[in-house]
């Protein structure tokens, strides 16, 4: 997989040891995603990536130019490429930004499909204005990949957090990738909860662009 990075990946060490949160696999490489799916004590894998080449240009785009939609497809290279083209064809993004998102999201989808042994994928590109999920929770899926292309990423907390008013123990940055086990995973969802990033009181809401991919989706529950 060759993600489009603005900063060379060798600027960061392979392994990250500055964050300790039970259930979290945190690495500067894509192995974190697969490890979270096969390590019983884990539940969330985070790939800490440098900034993407199109990230600044995407941040400058108007909110109404962002794509917003979903497709459910076979987990094959051709179907992934076709599905992302369909999702991005309805946006008004600059060509270079749209191409960058398509290439990176396709690479992530292929990696996730292999790691999760998925036969089908549901791919969403969501333009999200404000926190979509204020409550810490776990998902009714087998496995889900999340990457915020614009705006901050997902917040994590241990299971004993106050579900409605607790503070996050760890927050993903823009372009970082997370794979989360859900309740339908054979190993269970693990010890971590998550929610959408919260906007500070009085701060203007930012329209995020979130990539979400589910492995072998069921009836659409989230």
Protein backbone atom coordinates (compact mmCIF):
# COMPACT_ATOMS: atom_id res chain seq x y z
CA UNK A 1 0.00 0.00 0.00
CA UNK A 2 1.37 3.42 -0.96
CA UNK A 3 -0.50 6.23 0.82
CA UNK A 4 0.03 9.77 -0.45
CA UNK A 5 2.12 11.36 2.28
CA UNK A 6 3.33 14.95 2.46
CA UNK A 7 6.03 13.94 4.97
CA UNK A 8 8.35 10.96 4.43
CA UNK A 9 7.34 8.07 6.72
CA UNK A 10 10.92 7.52 7.86
CA UNK A 11 10.74 10.79 9.82
CA UNK A 12 8.97 8.84 12.57
CA UNK A 13 10.10 5.65 14.36
CA UNK A 14 8.26 2.46 13.48
CA UNK A 15 6.94 1.79 16.97
CA UNK A 16 5.29 4.30 19.25
CA UNK A 17 5.62 3.90 23.02
CA UNK A 18 4.65 7.35 24.35
CA UNK A 19 0.96 6.43 24.84
CA UNK A 20 -0.23 3.65 27.14
CA UNK A 21 -3.93 2.83 26.95
CA UNK A 22 -5.07 -0.76 27.55
CA UNK A 23 -6.59 -2.19 24.40
CA UNK A 24 -4.84 0.24 22.02
CA UNK A 25 -2.29 -0.85 19.42
CA UNK A 26 -0.51 2.35 18.33
CA UNK A 27 2.17 2.20 15.63
CA UNK A 28 3.61 4.36 12.88
CA UNK A 29 2.82 1.68 10.31
CA UNK A 30 -0.18 -0.14 8.92
CA UNK A 31 0.52 -3.29 10.95
CA UNK A 32 -1.42 -1.68 13.81
CA UNK A 33 -4.67 -2.25 11.94
CA UNK A 34 -4.24 -6.00 11.53
CA UNK A 35 -2.85 -6.49 15.03
CA UNK A 36 -5.99 -4.99 16.57
CA UNK A 37 -8.10 -7.62 14.82
CA UNK A 38 -6.13 -10.66 16.03
CA UNK A 39 -4.87 -9.60 19.51
CA UNK A 40 -7.43 -10.69 22.13
CA UNK A 41 -6.50 -7.98 24.65
CA UNK A 42 -6.71 -5.23 22.03
CA UNK A 43 -9.73 -3.67 20.37
CA UNK A 44 -8.46 -0.62 18.51
CA UNK A 45 -5.46 -0.27 16.22
CA UNK A 46 -4.18 3.17 15.22
CA UNK A 47 -1.77 3.91 12.40
CA UNK A 48 -0.19 7.28 13.18
CA UNK A 49 0.53 8.78 9.76
CA UNK A 50 2.22 12.01 8.65
CA UNK A 51 0.16 14.64 6.84
CA UNK A 52 -1.24 13.68 3.45
CA UNK A 53 -0.19 15.57 0.33
CA UNK A 54 -3.72 16.85 -0.38
CA UNK A 55 -4.62 17.64 3.23
CA UNK A 56 -4.04 21.42 3.16
CA UNK A 57 -5.89 21.86 -0.12
CA UNK A 58 -8.84 19.84 1.20
CA UNK A 59 -8.99 21.97 4.35
CA UNK A 60 -9.35 25.08 2.16
CA UNK A 61 -12.33 23.73 0.21
CA UNK A 62 -15.84 25.00 1.01
CA UNK A 63 -17.95 22.61 3.04
CA UNK A 64 -20.54 22.20 0.29
CA UNK A 65 -17.86 20.84 -2.04
CA UNK A 66 -17.25 17.76 0.12
CA UNK A 67 -18.53 14.32 -0.90
CA UNK A 68 -21.21 12.68 1.24
CA UNK A 69 -22.52 9.19 0.52
CA UNK A 70 -22.01 5.45 0.86
CA UNK A 71 -21.65 2.35 -1.30
CA UNK A 72 -21.67 -1.36 -0.46
CA UNK A 73 -19.41 -3.36 -2.75
CA UNK A 74 -17.42 -6.57 -3.15
CA UNK A 75 -13.99 -6.40 -1.51
CA UNK A 76 -12.11 -6.49 -4.82
CA UNK A 77 -9.70 -3.93 -6.24
CA UNK A 78 -11.95 -3.09 -9.19
CA UNK A 79 -15.08 -2.74 -7.06
CA UNK A 80 -13.27 -0.54 -4.54
CA UNK A 81 -12.00 1.78 -7.28
CA UNK A 82 -15.45 1.96 -8.90
CA UNK A 83 -17.19 2.60 -5.59
CA UNK A 84 -14.87 5.45 -4.64
CA UNK A 85 -15.23 6.99 -8.09
CA UNK A 86 -19.00 6.90 -7.59
CA UNK A 87 -18.75 8.59 -4.19
CA UNK A 88 -16.37 11.30 -5.35
CA UNK A 89 -18.09 12.01 -8.66
CA UNK A 90 -20.82 13.96 -6.84
CA UNK A 91 -18.38 16.30 -5.08
CA UNK A 92 -17.01 19.63 -6.27
CA UNK A 93 -13.47 19.08 -5.08
CA UNK A 94 -10.44 20.12 -7.14
CA UNK A 95 -9.29 17.27 -9.38
CA UNK A 96 -6.00 16.80 -7.54
CA UNK A 97 -7.74 16.59 -4.15
CA UNK A 98 -10.36 14.13 -5.43
CA UNK A 99 -7.66 11.96 -7.00
CA UNK A 100 -5.64 12.03 -3.79
CA UNK A 101 -8.60 10.93 -1.67
CA UNK A 102 -9.51 8.20 -4.16
CA UNK A 103 -5.98 6.77 -4.19
CA UNK A 104 -5.51 6.86 -0.43
CA UNK A 105 -8.99 5.55 0.42
CA UNK A 106 -8.61 2.71 -2.11
CA UNK A 107 -5.28 1.72 -0.57
CA UNK A 108 -6.80 1.75 2.92
CA UNK A 109 -9.83 -0.25 1.76
CA UNK A 110 -7.63 -2.93 0.17
CA UNK A 111 -5.46 -3.14 3.29
CA UNK A 112 -8.52 -3.35 5.54
CA UNK A 113 -10.17 -6.00 3.37
CA UNK A 114 -7.08 -8.21 3.61
CA UNK A 115 -6.63 -7.65 7.35
CA UNK A 116 -10.29 -8.40 8.13
CA UNK A 117 -10.77 -11.13 5.48
CA UNK A 118 -13.86 -9.22 4.34
CA UNK A 119 -15.82 -10.35 1.31
CA UNK A 120 -17.86 -7.15 1.13
CA UNK A 121 -17.24 -3.59 2.26
CA UNK A 122 -19.46 -0.63 3.01
CA UNK A 123 -17.51 2.55 2.23
CA UNK A 124 -18.74 5.93 3.45
CA UNK A 125 -17.43 9.42 2.85
CA UNK A 126 -19.30 11.56 5.36
CA UNK A 127 -19.29 15.35 5.48
CA UNK A 128 -19.90 15.82 9.21
CA UNK A 129 -20.76 19.20 10.72
CA UNK A 130 -20.26 19.01 14.48
CA UNK A 131 -20.00 15.89 16.66
CA UNK A 132 -22.04 13.06 15.13
CA UNK A 133 -21.72 10.85 18.23
CA UNK A 134 -21.49 12.67 21.56
CA UNK A 135 -21.71 9.49 23.65
CA UNK A 136 -18.86 7.02 24.08
CA UNK A 137 -19.88 3.68 22.57
CA UNK A 138 -18.90 0.56 20.61
CA UNK A 139 -20.31 -0.40 17.22
CA UNK A 140 -22.52 -3.33 16.18
CA UNK A 141 -20.14 -4.30 13.38
CA UNK A 142 -17.41 -6.90 12.94
CA UNK A 143 -14.73 -4.32 12.21
CA UNK A 144 -14.69 -0.67 11.13
CA UNK A 145 -11.95 1.53 9.70
CA UNK A 146 -12.05 5.28 10.37
CA UNK A 147 -9.89 8.06 8.94
CA UNK A 148 -10.65 11.78 9.14
CA UNK A 149 -9.33 13.42 5.99
CA UNK A 150 -10.39 16.85 7.18
CA UNK A 151 -10.73 17.88 10.81
CA UNK A 152 -9.79 15.98 13.98
CA UNK A 153 -10.21 12.26 14.34
CA UNK A 154 -11.98 9.84 16.66
CA UNK A 155 -11.66 10.05 20.46
CA UNK A 156 -10.97 6.96 22.60
CA UNK A 157 -11.57 6.21 26.28
CA UNK A 158 -11.57 3.16 28.59
CA UNK A 159 -14.85 1.39 29.33
CA UNK A 160 -15.19 2.97 32.79
CA UNK A 161 -15.50 6.50 31.36
CA UNK A 162 -18.65 8.55 31.92
CA UNK A 163 -20.42 7.71 28.65
CA UNK A 164 -22.06 11.11 28.28
CA UNK A 165 -19.65 13.59 29.85
CA UNK A 166 -16.30 11.81 30.18
CA UNK A 167 -13.03 13.07 28.75
CA UNK A 168 -11.17 11.33 25.97
CA UNK A 169 -7.99 9.48 26.93
CA UNK A 170 -6.60 9.61 23.38
CA UNK A 171 -7.54 11.51 20.22
CA UNK A 172 -6.59 10.76 16.64
CA UNK A 173 -5.17 13.48 14.43
CA UNK A 174 -6.22 14.23 10.88
CA UNK A 175 -5.13 11.45 8.46
CA UNK A 176 -4.48 8.91 11.22
CA UNK A 177 -6.21 5.58 10.62
CA UNK A 178 -8.06 3.50 13.20
CA UNK A 179 -9.50 0.00 12.99
CA UNK A 180 -12.04 -0.78 15.70
CA UNK A 181 -13.42 -4.19 16.58
CA UNK A 182 -17.17 -4.22 17.11
CA UNK A 183 -19.62 -6.45 18.96
CA UNK A 184 -19.89 -8.83 15.97
CA UNK A 185 -16.15 -9.61 16.00
CA UNK A 186 -15.28 -13.15 17.25
CA UNK A 187 -12.92 -11.64 19.85
CA UNK A 188 -15.48 -9.07 20.97
CA UNK A 189 -15.19 -5.31 20.85
CA UNK A 190 -12.37 -5.03 23.39
CA UNK A 191 -11.92 -2.65 26.33
CA UNK A 192 -12.04 0.72 24.53
CA UNK A 193 -14.95 3.02 23.66
CA UNK A 194 -14.99 5.77 21.06
CA UNK A 195 -16.92 8.85 19.96
CA UNK A 196 -16.74 11.66 17.42
CA UNK A 197 -14.38 14.54 18.25
CA UNK A 198 -16.05 17.12 20.43
CA UNK A 199 -16.05 20.85 19.66
CA UNK A 200 -14.82 23.10 22.45
CA UNK A 201 -17.53 25.26 23.98
CA UNK A 202 -17.91 28.46 21.98
CA UNK A 203 -15.73 27.25 19.12
CA UNK A 204 -17.22 27.21 15.60
CA UNK A 205 -18.12 23.76 14.28
CA UNK A 206 -15.82 22.51 11.53
CA UNK A 207 -17.15 20.35 8.71
CA UNK A 208 -15.07 17.19 8.76
CA UNK A 209 -14.62 14.65 5.98
CA UNK A 210 -14.66 11.16 7.44
CA UNK A 211 -13.84 7.90 5.67
CA UNK A 212 -15.57 4.91 7.31
CA UNK A 213 -15.33 1.34 6.02
CA UNK A 214 -17.21 -1.64 7.49
CA UNK A 215 -16.19 -5.26 6.96
CA UNK A 216 -19.06 -7.48 5.76
CA UNK A 217 -21.85 -5.08 6.80
CA UNK A 218 -25.08 -6.58 8.09
CA UNK A 219 -28.38 -4.69 8.08
CA UNK A 220 -26.81 -1.26 8.35
CA UNK A 221 -26.78 -0.91 12.13
CA UNK A 222 -23.96 1.27 13.46
